Every structure is written in structure tokens, then in C-alpha cells.
Amino acid sequence: MRGKEMSNFIEFFRMVLSYLMVFAVIVVVSGIGGFIGVKVWKPKTKENE
């Protein structure tokens, strides 16, 4: 019983870890995208004004 609980916990931990990694990748990508977007778009809007 104890071993089964442990393997279930490890399986759950792995699932959570993979979700966290996906979430972290999304946050990093959106952060970089937003940063580049601001860098690229700020001069253009000033130029248009």
C-alpha cells in the first residue's frame, strides 16, 4: 500500500511539474514577445504622431 501511494505521488508530481514547465514556457515567450513588441512599436507610434 505504501509503495503504491508513493508511486501515485510521484506520478502526480510529474504531472504538476510538466504543467508548470508548459506554463513557464508560455510566460517566458509572452514576456519576450511583449518586450520585443514594445521595443518595436514604441518608435513607430511616435513617428506616426
Protein backbone atom coordinates (compact mmCIF):
# COMPACT_ATOMS: atom_id res chain seq x y z
CA MET A 1 0.00 0.00 0.00
CA ARG A 2 2.78 2.40 0.97
CA GLY A 3 4.71 1.83 -2.26
CA LYS A 4 1.59 2.35 -4.37
CA GLU A 5 0.87 5.66 -2.62
CA MET A 6 4.44 6.76 -3.26
CA SER A 7 4.28 5.93 -6.98
CA ASN A 8 0.93 7.76 -7.23
CA PHE A 9 2.50 10.81 -5.58
CA ILE A 10 5.48 10.68 -7.97
CA GLU A 11 3.11 10.40 -10.94
CA PHE A 12 1.09 13.39 -9.65
CA PHE A 13 4.30 15.35 -9.03
CA ARG A 14 5.48 14.62 -12.59
CA MET A 15 2.14 15.81 -14.00
CA VAL A 16 2.27 19.04 -11.98
CA LEU A 17 5.90 19.59 -12.99
CA SER A 18 5.11 19.20 -16.70
CA TYR A 19 2.18 21.64 -16.35
CA LEU A 20 4.46 24.12 -14.56
CA MET A 21 7.09 23.80 -17.31
CA VAL A 22 4.48 24.47 -20.01
CA PHE A 23 3.17 27.45 -18.02
CA ALA A 24 6.72 28.78 -17.50
CA VAL A 25 7.45 28.49 -21.24
CA ILE A 26 4.22 30.37 -22.09
CA VAL A 27 5.07 33.12 -19.57
CA VAL A 28 8.64 33.46 -20.89
CA VAL A 29 7.55 33.51 -24.54
CA SER A 30 4.78 36.05 -23.91
CA GLY A 31 7.17 38.15 -21.82
CA ILE A 32 9.80 38.18 -24.58
CA GLY A 33 7.12 38.84 -27.20
CA GLY A 34 5.70 41.73 -25.19
CA PHE A 35 9.18 43.19 -24.63
CA ILE A 36 10.04 42.98 -28.34
CA GLY A 37 6.60 44.34 -29.22
CA VAL A 38 7.11 47.39 -27.01
CA LYS A 39 10.62 47.94 -28.40
CA VAL A 40 9.38 47.68 -32.00
CA TRP A 41 6.06 49.52 -31.68
CA LYS A 42 7.05 52.46 -29.44
CA PRO A 43 9.20 54.25 -32.08
CA LYS A 44 6.58 53.63 -34.80
CA THR A 45 3.76 55.24 -32.79
CA LYS A 46 5.98 58.25 -32.06
CA GLU A 47 6.83 58.51 -35.75
CA ASN A 48 3.14 58.49 -36.70
CA GLU A 49 2.38 61.29 -34.22
